[in-house]
N, C-alpha and C. Protein backbone atom coordinates (compact mmCIF):
# COMPACT_ATOMS: atom_id res chain seq x y z
N MET A 1 85.33 92.79 105.30
CA MET A 1 85.90 91.72 104.95
C MET A 1 87.02 91.67 103.91
N ILE A 2 87.98 91.01 104.28
CA ILE A 2 89.29 90.80 103.28
C ILE A 2 89.33 89.46 102.69
N TYR A 3 89.27 89.60 101.35
CA TYR A 3 89.19 88.12 100.76
C TYR A 3 90.55 88.21 99.81
N PHE A 4 91.11 86.92 99.88
CA PHE A 4 92.48 86.72 99.31
C PHE A 4 92.07 85.76 97.92
N ASP A 5 92.91 86.01 97.02
CA ASP A 5 92.98 84.98 95.92
C ASP A 5 93.50 83.76 96.08
N LEU A 6 93.17 82.82 95.07
CA LEU A 6 93.60 81.51 95.57
C LEU A 6 95.09 81.49 95.46
N GLN A 7 95.84 82.12 94.52
CA GLN A 7 97.17 82.43 94.65
C GLN A 7 98.14 82.72 95.77
N SER A 8 97.28 83.45 96.73
CA SER A 8 97.83 83.81 97.93
C SER A 8 97.83 82.75 99.01
N TYR A 9 96.63 81.81 98.75
CA TYR A 9 96.64 80.56 99.64
C TYR A 9 97.66 79.60 99.24
N ILE A 10 97.92 79.46 98.04
CA ILE A 10 98.89 78.56 97.58
C ILE A 10 100.45 78.96 97.88
N ASP A 11 100.58 80.32 97.80
CA ASP A 11 101.83 80.72 98.08
C ASP A 11 102.20 80.65 99.76
N LEU A 12 101.16 80.65 100.58
CA LEU A 12 101.17 80.50 102.12
C LEU A 12 101.60 78.85 102.07
N LEU A 13 100.81 78.18 101.64
CA LEU A 13 101.06 76.59 101.58
C LEU A 13 102.65 76.50 101.16
N LYS A 14 103.02 76.92 100.24
CA LYS A 14 104.48 76.73 99.65
C LYS A 14 105.44 77.39 100.62
N GLU A 15 105.34 78.50 101.11
CA GLU A 15 105.81 79.06 102.05
C GLU A 15 106.27 78.06 103.45
N LYS A 16 105.29 77.35 103.78
CA LYS A 16 105.17 76.50 104.82
C LYS A 16 105.61 75.03 104.51
N SER A 17 106.23 74.89 103.15
CA SER A 17 106.57 73.53 102.73
C SER A 17 105.19 72.58 102.55
N LEU A 18 104.05 72.94 102.53
CA LEU A 18 102.82 72.31 102.49
C LEU A 18 102.34 71.88 100.96
N PHE A 19 103.09 72.54 100.18
CA PHE A 19 102.35 72.36 98.76
C PHE A 19 103.20 71.56 97.83
N ILE A 20 102.44 70.60 97.25
CA ILE A 20 103.08 69.55 96.52
C ILE A 20 102.83 69.99 94.95
N ARG A 21 101.77 70.05 94.33
CA ARG A 21 101.74 70.32 93.00
C ARG A 21 100.27 70.91 92.84
N SER A 22 100.09 71.50 91.31
CA SER A 22 98.76 72.04 91.25
C SER A 22 98.46 71.92 89.86
N ASN A 23 97.49 71.92 89.20
CA ASN A 23 97.23 71.85 87.68
C ASN A 23 96.01 72.85 87.46
N ILE A 24 96.04 74.08 88.47
CA ILE A 24 95.11 75.04 88.37
C ILE A 24 95.34 76.16 87.16
N PRO A 25 94.34 76.13 86.42
CA PRO A 25 94.42 77.37 85.22
C PRO A 25 94.68 78.59 85.83
N ASP A 26 95.62 79.55 85.23
CA ASP A 26 95.92 80.85 85.56
C ASP A 26 94.55 81.51 85.97
N ASN A 27 93.73 81.62 84.94
CA ASN A 27 92.41 82.37 85.57
C ASN A 27 91.82 82.08 86.76
N ILE A 28 91.86 80.79 87.10
CA ILE A 28 91.10 80.34 88.41
C ILE A 28 91.90 80.59 89.79
N LEU A 29 93.56 81.04 89.41
CA LEU A 29 94.36 81.48 90.47
C LEU A 29 94.07 82.94 90.91
N LYS A 30 93.50 83.79 90.20
CA LYS A 30 93.32 85.03 90.49
C LYS A 30 91.68 85.15 91.03
N GLU A 31 91.21 84.09 91.12
CA GLU A 31 89.91 84.22 91.96
C GLU A 31 89.87 84.48 93.20
N GLN A 32 89.05 85.20 93.57
CA GLN A 32 88.99 85.43 95.41
C GLN A 32 88.14 84.24 95.89
N VAL A 33 88.76 83.72 96.83
CA VAL A 33 88.39 82.69 97.69
C VAL A 33 87.40 83.39 98.84
N LEU A 34 85.97 83.11 98.89
CA LEU A 34 85.10 83.66 99.61
C LEU A 34 84.79 82.87 100.66
N ASN A 35 85.29 81.73 100.77
CA ASN A 35 84.93 80.45 101.89
C ASN A 35 85.90 79.47 101.79
N VAL A 36 86.17 79.05 102.95
CA VAL A 36 87.11 77.93 103.30
C VAL A 36 86.36 76.96 104.15
N CYS A 37 86.31 75.78 103.62
CA CYS A 37 85.25 74.91 104.21
C CYS A 37 85.64 73.37 104.11
N TYR A 38 85.27 72.62 105.06
CA TYR A 38 85.59 71.01 105.07
C TYR A 38 84.21 70.47 105.14
N ASN A 39 83.18 70.93 105.23
CA ASN A 39 81.75 70.53 105.05
C ASN A 39 81.10 70.53 103.73
N SER A 40 80.98 69.45 102.90
CA SER A 40 80.56 69.76 101.55
C SER A 40 79.08 70.28 101.53
N LYS A 41 78.47 70.19 102.72
CA LYS A 41 77.07 70.69 102.69
C LYS A 41 77.05 72.16 102.95
N LYS A 42 78.20 72.81 103.17
CA LYS A 42 78.08 74.22 103.48
C LYS A 42 79.22 75.06 102.47
N VAL A 43 79.48 74.20 101.28
CA VAL A 43 80.26 74.90 100.40
C VAL A 43 79.19 75.67 99.46
N SER A 44 80.09 76.82 99.06
CA SER A 44 79.13 78.01 98.25
C SER A 44 80.20 78.42 97.14
N LYS A 45 79.80 79.45 96.47
CA LYS A 45 80.62 79.64 95.29
C LYS A 45 81.92 80.29 96.05
N ASN A 46 82.97 79.82 94.81
CA ASN A 46 84.51 80.24 95.32
C ASN A 46 85.00 79.90 96.80
N THR A 47 84.71 78.43 96.92
CA THR A 47 85.06 78.04 98.23
C THR A 47 86.31 77.21 97.95
N LEU A 48 87.36 77.28 98.81
CA LEU A 48 88.38 76.41 98.81
C LEU A 48 88.13 75.47 99.91
N TYR A 49 88.02 74.26 99.17
CA TYR A 49 87.31 72.81 100.11
C TYR A 49 88.53 72.01 100.68
N ILE A 50 88.39 71.65 101.88
CA ILE A 50 89.27 70.73 102.54
C ILE A 50 88.88 69.35 102.52
N CYS A 51 89.33 68.36 101.95
CA CYS A 51 88.91 66.92 101.95
C CYS A 51 89.58 66.51 103.40
N LYS A 52 88.62 65.97 104.18
CA LYS A 52 89.44 65.29 105.44
C LYS A 52 88.60 64.34 106.12
N GLY A 53 89.16 63.36 106.93
CA GLY A 53 88.54 62.59 107.74
C GLY A 53 88.93 61.08 107.12
N LEU A 54 88.45 60.10 108.02
CA LEU A 54 88.96 58.70 107.82
C LEU A 54 87.84 58.12 106.85
N LYS A 55 86.65 58.65 107.06
CA LYS A 55 85.70 58.05 106.44
C LYS A 55 85.25 58.95 105.21
N TYR A 56 86.26 59.64 104.76
CA TYR A 56 85.96 60.53 103.54
C TYR A 56 85.25 59.88 102.43
N LYS A 57 84.33 60.22 101.73
CA LYS A 57 83.76 59.55 100.40
C LYS A 57 83.91 60.59 99.35
N PRO A 58 84.32 59.93 97.98
CA PRO A 58 84.23 60.69 97.06
C PRO A 58 82.88 61.40 96.48
N GLU A 59 82.13 61.17 97.09
CA GLU A 59 80.66 61.93 96.79
C GLU A 59 80.88 63.32 97.33
N TYR A 60 81.56 63.24 98.86
CA TYR A 60 81.59 64.70 99.34
C TYR A 60 82.24 65.73 98.23
N LEU A 61 83.41 65.16 97.52
CA LEU A 61 84.04 66.16 96.55
C LEU A 61 83.32 66.52 95.55
N GLU A 62 82.61 65.48 94.92
CA GLU A 62 81.74 65.86 93.69
C GLU A 62 80.51 66.88 94.38
N GLU A 63 80.02 66.72 95.58
CA GLU A 63 79.10 67.60 95.84
C GLU A 63 79.73 69.01 96.11
N ALA A 64 80.73 69.10 96.72
CA ALA A 64 81.53 70.51 96.71
C ALA A 64 81.89 71.25 95.53
N LEU A 65 82.13 70.46 94.51
CA LEU A 65 82.54 71.04 93.29
C LEU A 65 81.21 71.36 92.42
N THR A 66 80.25 70.50 92.64
CA THR A 66 78.85 71.02 91.93
C THR A 66 78.37 72.28 92.78
N LYS A 67 78.50 72.56 93.98
CA LYS A 67 78.16 73.90 94.74
C LYS A 67 79.11 75.06 94.69
N GLY A 68 80.11 74.76 94.03
CA GLY A 68 80.81 76.14 93.59
C GLY A 68 82.39 76.06 94.29
N ALA A 69 82.93 74.94 94.64
CA ALA A 69 84.45 75.05 95.11
C ALA A 69 85.05 75.03 94.02
N ILE A 70 86.24 76.12 94.20
CA ILE A 70 87.08 76.25 93.03
C ILE A 70 88.47 75.59 93.07
N CYS A 71 88.64 75.07 94.24
CA CYS A 71 89.82 74.20 94.33
C CYS A 71 89.57 73.47 95.57
N TYR A 72 90.38 72.32 95.77
CA TYR A 72 90.12 71.37 96.93
C TYR A 72 91.49 70.93 97.36
N VAL A 73 91.77 70.70 98.70
CA VAL A 73 93.26 70.11 99.23
C VAL A 73 92.96 68.95 99.99
């Protein structure tokens, strides 16, 4: 399996004009993203977490960060 670092995902979002801003430290940008997920129950180490849904609750983000999300969108 091929994994990409977080900077690669950000570069792709920028290329598609979908990136607004970031305050991610440089050392985190170099981390490999091992999982992309929108379900906080399925987050694991080095996950890029997608916050979505009309009924989204802040608790979901807190859970994702606790479980190992390195970034969220």
